[in-house]
Amino acid sequence: NRRITGNDLDDAGKGLVIITGANQGG
């Protein structure tokens, strides 16, 4: 019930993106 922060992404036509980060990092 509030506004949340979004994310930006541009895969530059690569077709495969690997998402990494800490636990509970989103």
PDB file of all heavy atoms in Angstrom:
ATOM      1  N   ASN A   1       0.819  -1.214   0.000  1.00  0.00           N
ATOM      2  CA  ASN A   1       0.000   0.000   0.000  1.00  0.00           C
ATOM      3  C   ASN A   1       0.854   1.266   0.000  1.00  0.00           C
ATOM      4  O   ASN A   1       0.549   2.243   0.691  1.00  0.00           O
ATOM      5  CB  ASN A   1      -0.968   0.011   1.184  1.00  0.00           C
ATOM      6  CG  ASN A   1      -2.111   1.005   0.984  1.00  0.00           C
ATOM      7  OD1 ASN A   1      -2.567   1.208  -0.137  1.00  0.00           O
ATOM      8  ND2 ASN A   1      -2.567   1.611   2.074  1.00  0.00           N
ATOM      9  N   ARG A   2       1.924   1.263  -0.766  1.00  0.00           N
ATOM     10  CA  ARG A   2       2.770   2.448  -0.883  1.00  0.00           C
ATOM     11  C   ARG A   2       3.600   2.343  -2.166  1.00  0.00           C
ATOM     12  O   ARG A   2       3.689   1.277  -2.777  1.00  0.00           O
ATOM     13  CB  ARG A   2       3.700   2.600   0.325  1.00  0.00           C
ATOM     14  CG  ARG A   2       4.730   1.499   0.481  1.00  0.00           C
ATOM     15  CD  ARG A   2       5.659   1.811   1.647  1.00  0.00           C
ATOM     16  NE  ARG A   2       6.633   0.753   1.881  1.00  0.00           N
ATOM     17  CZ  ARG A   2       7.783   0.633   1.215  1.00  0.00           C
ATOM     18  NH1 ARG A   2       8.095   1.496   0.253  1.00  0.00           N
ATOM     19  NH2 ARG A   2       8.637  -0.348   1.500  1.00  0.00           N
ATOM     20  N   ARG A   3       4.192   3.448  -2.526  1.00  0.00           N
ATOM     21  CA  ARG A   3       5.035   3.482  -3.708  1.00  0.00           C
ATOM     22  C   ARG A   3       6.359   2.776  -3.420  1.00  0.00           C
ATOM     23  O   ARG A   3       6.923   2.910  -2.334  1.00  0.00           O
ATOM     24  CB  ARG A   3       5.304   4.928  -4.119  1.00  0.00           C
ATOM     25  CG  ARG A   3       5.983   5.073  -5.475  1.00  0.00           C
ATOM     26  CD  ARG A   3       6.098   6.545  -5.849  1.00  0.00           C
ATOM     27  NE  ARG A   3       6.542   6.698  -7.230  1.00  0.00           N
ATOM     28  CZ  ARG A   3       7.813   6.686  -7.606  1.00  0.00           C
ATOM     29  NH1 ARG A   3       8.784   6.548  -6.692  1.00  0.00           N
ATOM     30  NH2 ARG A   3       8.134   6.833  -8.886  1.00  0.00           N
ATOM     31  N   ILE A   4       6.845   2.003  -4.375  1.00  0.00           N
ATOM     32  CA  ILE A   4       8.105   1.294  -4.209  1.00  0.00           C
ATOM     33  C   ILE A   4       9.071   1.710  -5.313  1.00  0.00           C
ATOM     34  O   ILE A   4       8.654   2.202  -6.352  1.00  0.00           O
ATOM     35  CB  ILE A   4       7.907  -0.242  -4.214  1.00  0.00           C
ATOM     36  CG1 ILE A   4       7.270  -0.699  -5.530  1.00  0.00           C
ATOM     37  CG2 ILE A   4       7.051  -0.686  -3.045  1.00  0.00           C
ATOM     38  CD1 ILE A   4       7.154  -2.197  -5.665  1.00  0.00           C
ATOM     39  N   THR A   5      10.360   1.482  -5.067  1.00  0.00           N
ATOM     40  CA  THR A   5      11.392   1.875  -6.013  1.00  0.00           C
ATOM     41  C   THR A   5      11.509   0.842  -7.129  1.00  0.00           C
ATOM     42  O   THR A   5      11.554  -0.359  -6.866  1.00  0.00           O
ATOM     43  CB  THR A   5      12.750   2.016  -5.313  1.00  0.00           C
ATOM     44  OG1 THR A   5      12.619   2.977  -4.260  1.00  0.00           O
ATOM     45  CG2 THR A   5      13.821   2.472  -6.294  1.00  0.00           C
ATOM     46  N   GLY A   6      11.553   1.303  -8.379  1.00  0.00           N
ATOM     47  CA  GLY A   6      11.670   0.407  -9.515  1.00  0.00           C
ATOM     48  C   GLY A   6      13.113   0.195  -9.934  1.00  0.00           C
ATOM     49  O   GLY A   6      14.061   0.699  -9.316  1.00  0.00           O
ATOM     50  N   ASN A   7      13.291  -0.562 -10.994  1.00  0.00           N
ATOM     51  CA  ASN A   7      14.622  -0.885 -11.514  1.00  0.00           C
ATOM     52  C   ASN A   7      14.684  -0.581 -13.002  1.00  0.00           C
ATOM     53  O   ASN A   7      13.674  -0.595 -13.706  1.00  0.00           O
ATOM     54  CB  ASN A   7      14.939  -2.370 -11.301  1.00  0.00           C
ATOM     55  CG  ASN A   7      15.071  -2.735  -9.838  1.00  0.00           C
ATOM     56  OD1 ASN A   7      16.092  -2.481  -9.210  1.00  0.00           O
ATOM     57  ND2 ASN A   7      14.029  -3.343  -9.288  1.00  0.00           N
ATOM     58  N   ASP A   8      15.891  -0.341 -13.483  1.00  0.00           N
ATOM     59  CA  ASP A   8      16.140  -0.138 -14.908  1.00  0.00           C
ATOM     60  C   ASP A   8      16.876  -1.340 -15.474  1.00  0.00           C
ATOM     61  O   ASP A   8      17.670  -1.970 -14.778  1.00  0.00           O
ATOM     62  CB  ASP A   8      16.993   1.120 -15.140  1.00  0.00           C
ATOM     63  CG  ASP A   8      16.319   2.372 -14.597  1.00  0.00           C
ATOM     64  OD1 ASP A   8      15.105   2.311 -14.334  1.00  0.00           O
ATOM     65  OD2 ASP A   8      17.018   3.388 -14.446  1.00  0.00           O
ATOM     66  N   LEU A   9      16.618  -1.639 -16.730  1.00  0.00           N
ATOM     67  CA  LEU A   9      17.313  -2.751 -17.384  1.00  0.00           C
ATOM     68  C   LEU A   9      17.357  -2.498 -18.888  1.00  0.00           C
ATOM     69  O   LEU A   9      16.380  -2.053 -19.474  1.00  0.00           O
ATOM     70  CB  LEU A   9      16.599  -4.085 -17.106  1.00  0.00           C
ATOM     71  CG  LEU A   9      17.103  -5.306 -17.887  1.00  0.00           C
ATOM     72  CD1 LEU A   9      18.510  -5.677 -17.462  1.00  0.00           C
ATOM     73  CD2 LEU A   9      16.163  -6.497 -17.714  1.00  0.00           C
ATOM     74  N   ASP A  10      18.493  -2.817 -19.486  1.00  0.00           N
ATOM     75  CA  ASP A  10      18.618  -2.800 -20.940  1.00  0.00           C
ATOM     76  C   ASP A  10      19.551  -3.946 -21.314  1.00  0.00           C
ATOM     77  O   ASP A  10      20.745  -3.897 -21.019  1.00  0.00           O
ATOM     78  CB  ASP A  10      19.194  -1.473 -21.420  1.00  0.00           C
ATOM     79  CG  ASP A  10      19.134  -1.355 -22.943  1.00  0.00           C
ATOM     80  OD1 ASP A  10      18.990  -2.391 -23.616  1.00  0.00           O
ATOM     81  OD2 ASP A  10      19.229  -0.223 -23.448  1.00  0.00           O
ATOM     82  N   ASP A  11      18.972  -4.978 -21.941  1.00  0.00           N
ATOM     83  CA  ASP A  11      19.794  -6.155 -22.250  1.00  0.00           C
ATOM     84  C   ASP A  11      20.593  -5.992 -23.532  1.00  0.00           C
ATOM     85  O   ASP A  11      21.332  -6.906 -23.931  1.00  0.00           O
ATOM     86  CB  ASP A  11      18.933  -7.416 -22.307  1.00  0.00           C
ATOM     87  CG  ASP A  11      17.991  -7.441 -23.514  1.00  0.00           C
ATOM     88  OD1 ASP A  11      18.014  -6.489 -24.310  1.00  0.00           O
ATOM     89  OD2 ASP A  11      17.236  -8.418 -23.646  1.00  0.00           O
ATOM     90  N   ALA A  12      20.427  -4.833 -24.216  1.00  0.00           N
ATOM     91  CA  ALA A  12      21.207  -4.533 -25.427  1.00  0.00           C
ATOM     92  C   ALA A  12      21.105  -5.639 -26.468  1.00  0.00           C
ATOM     93  O   ALA A  12      22.014  -5.847 -27.257  1.00  0.00           O
ATOM     94  CB  ALA A  12      22.670  -4.272 -25.061  1.00  0.00           C
ATOM     95  N   GLY A  13      19.975  -6.337 -26.464  1.00  0.00           N
ATOM     96  CA  GLY A  13      19.762  -7.388 -27.445  1.00  0.00           C
ATOM     97  C   GLY A  13      20.511  -8.675 -27.165  1.00  0.00           C
ATOM     98  O   GLY A  13      20.567  -9.558 -28.028  1.00  0.00           O
ATOM     99  N   LYS A  14      21.084  -8.833 -25.971  1.00  0.00           N
ATOM    100  CA  LYS A  14      21.865 -10.035 -25.657  1.00  0.00           C
ATOM    101  C   LYS A  14      20.984 -11.268 -25.509  1.00  0.00           C
ATOM    102  O   LYS A  14      21.396 -12.372 -25.804  1.00  0.00           O
ATOM    103  CB  LYS A  14      22.665  -9.820 -24.376  1.00  0.00           C
ATOM    104  CG  LYS A  14      23.674  -8.665 -24.446  1.00  0.00           C
ATOM    105  CD  LYS A  14      24.725  -8.928 -25.493  1.00  0.00           C
ATOM    106  CE  LYS A  14      25.768  -7.822 -25.488  1.00  0.00           C
ATOM    107  NZ  LYS A  14      26.789  -8.024 -26.550  1.00  0.00           N
ATOM    108  N   GLY A  15      19.784 -11.073 -24.988  1.00  0.00           N
ATOM    109  CA  GLY A  15      18.862 -12.205 -24.868  1.00  0.00           C
ATOM    110  C   GLY A  15      19.025 -13.022 -23.606  1.00  0.00           C
ATOM    111  O   GLY A  15      18.193 -13.872 -23.294  1.00  0.00           O
ATOM    112  N   LEU A  16      20.105 -12.824 -22.844  1.00  0.00           N
ATOM    113  CA  LEU A  16      20.318 -13.569 -21.603  1.00  0.00           C
ATOM    114  C   LEU A  16      20.863 -12.614 -20.558  1.00  0.00           C
ATOM    115  O   LEU A  16      21.867 -11.937 -20.781  1.00  0.00           O
ATOM    116  CB  LEU A  16      21.297 -14.723 -21.804  1.00  0.00           C
ATOM    117  CG  LEU A  16      21.682 -15.510 -20.534  1.00  0.00           C
ATOM    118  CD1 LEU A  16      20.453 -16.190 -19.942  1.00  0.00           C
ATOM    119  CD2 LEU A  16      22.779 -16.531 -20.831  1.00  0.00           C
ATOM    120  N   VAL A  17      20.185 -12.532 -19.423  1.00  0.00           N
ATOM    121  CA  VAL A  17      20.614 -11.679 -18.318  1.00  0.00           C
ATOM    122  C   VAL A  17      20.675 -12.531 -17.062  1.00  0.00           C
ATOM    123  O   VAL A  17      19.742 -13.272 -16.765  1.00  0.00           O
ATOM    124  CB  VAL A  17      19.634 -10.504 -18.101  1.00  0.00           C
ATOM    125  CG1 VAL A  17      20.061  -9.669 -16.903  1.00  0.00           C
ATOM    126  CG2 VAL A  17      19.542  -9.650 -19.353  1.00  0.00           C
ATOM    127  N   ILE A  18      21.790 -12.473 -16.347  1.00  0.00           N
ATOM    128  CA  ILE A  18      21.955 -13.197 -15.088  1.00  0.00           C
ATOM    129  C   ILE A  18      21.786 -12.205 -13.944  1.00  0.00           C
ATOM    130  O   ILE A  18      22.493 -11.201 -13.868  1.00  0.00           O
ATOM    131  CB  ILE A  18      23.338 -13.878 -15.006  1.00  0.00           C
ATOM    132  CG1 ILE A  18      23.485 -14.894 -16.150  1.00  0.00           C
ATOM    133  CG2 ILE A  18      23.516 -14.561 -13.662  1.00  0.00           C
ATOM    134  CD1 ILE A  18      24.846 -15.545 -16.215  1.00  0.00           C
ATOM    135  N   ILE A  19      20.831 -12.482 -13.062  1.00  0.00           N
ATOM    136  CA  ILE A  19      20.549 -11.612 -11.931  1.00  0.00           C
ATOM    137  C   ILE A  19      21.254 -12.169 -10.699  1.00  0.00           C
ATOM    138  O   ILE A  19      21.020 -13.314 -10.313  1.00  0.00           O
ATOM    139  CB  ILE A  19      19.033 -11.514 -11.662  1.00  0.00           C
ATOM    140  CG1 ILE A  19      18.287 -11.134 -12.943  1.00  0.00           C
ATOM    141  CG2 ILE A  19      18.741 -10.512 -10.564  1.00  0.00           C
ATOM    142  CD1 ILE A  19      18.670  -9.808 -13.516  1.00  0.00           C
ATOM    143  N   THR A  20      22.130 -11.376 -10.085  1.00  0.00           N
ATOM    144  CA  THR A  20      22.860 -11.827  -8.891  1.00  0.00           C
ATOM    145  C   THR A  20      22.653 -10.821  -7.782  1.00  0.00           C
ATOM    146  O   THR A  20      22.207  -9.699  -7.995  1.00  0.00           O
ATOM    147  CB  THR A  20      24.366 -11.953  -9.182  1.00  0.00           C
ATOM    148  OG1 THR A  20      24.902 -10.646  -9.484  1.00  0.00           O
ATOM    149  CG2 THR A  20      24.613 -12.869 -10.368  1.00  0.00           C
ATOM    150  N   GLY A  21      22.990 -11.233  -6.569  1.00  0.00           N
ATOM    151  CA  GLY A  21      22.879 -10.328  -5.425  1.00  0.00           C
ATOM    152  C   GLY A  21      22.695 -11.103  -4.141  1.00  0.00           C
ATOM    153  O   GLY A  21      22.526 -12.330  -4.132  1.00  0.00           O
ATOM    154  N   ALA A  22      22.728 -10.386  -3.026  1.00  0.00           N
ATOM    155  CA  ALA A  22      22.610 -11.006  -1.705  1.00  0.00           C
ATOM    156  C   ALA A  22      21.201 -11.522  -1.475  1.00  0.00           C
ATOM    157  O   ALA A  22      20.251 -11.119  -2.154  1.00  0.00           O
ATOM    158  CB  ALA A  22      22.981  -9.979  -0.639  1.00  0.00           C
ATOM    159  N   ASN A  23      21.077 -12.423  -0.501  1.00  0.00           N
ATOM    160  CA  ASN A  23      19.755 -12.901  -0.094  1.00  0.00           C
ATOM    161  C   ASN A  23      18.902 -11.727   0.366  1.00  0.00           C
ATOM    162  O   ASN A  23      19.411 -10.791   1.021  1.00  0.00           O
ATOM    163  CB  ASN A  23      19.880 -13.926   1.041  1.00  0.00           C
ATOM    164  CG  ASN A  23      20.495 -15.223   0.558  1.00  0.00           C
ATOM    165  OD1 ASN A  23      20.480 -15.526  -0.620  1.00  0.00           O
ATOM    166  ND2 ASN A  23      21.066 -15.992   1.494  1.00  0.00           N
ATOM    167  N   GLN A  24      17.608 -11.782   0.050  1.00  0.00           N
ATOM    168  CA  GLN A  24      16.664 -10.711   0.386  1.00  0.00           C
ATOM    169  C   GLN A  24      17.058  -9.395  -0.270  1.00  0.00           C
ATOM    170  O   GLN A  24      16.710  -8.314   0.205  1.00  0.00           O
ATOM    171  CB  GLN A  24      16.580 -10.532   1.914  1.00  0.00           C
ATOM    172  CG  GLN A  24      16.181 -11.765   2.684  1.00  0.00           C
ATOM    173  CD  GLN A  24      14.805 -12.278   2.287  1.00  0.00           C
ATOM    174  OE1 GLN A  24      13.862 -11.493   2.202  1.00  0.00           O
ATOM    175  NE2 GLN A  24      14.689 -13.573   2.047  1.00  0.00           N
ATOM    176  N   GLY A  25      17.797  -9.474  -1.366  1.00  0.00           N
ATOM    177  CA  GLY A  25      18.236  -8.254  -2.045  1.00  0.00           C
ATOM    178  C   GLY A  25      17.284  -7.770  -3.122  1.00  0.00           C
ATOM    179  O   GLY A  25      17.570  -6.753  -3.758  1.00  0.00           O
ATOM    180  N   GLY A  26      16.208  -8.508  -3.379  1.00  0.00           N
ATOM    181  CA  GLY A  26      15.206  -8.053  -4.331  1.00  0.00           C
ATOM    182  C   GLY A  26      15.230  -8.757  -5.673  1.00  0.00           C
ATOM    183  O   GLY A  26      14.580  -8.312  -6.619  1.00  0.00           O
TER     184      GLY A  26
END
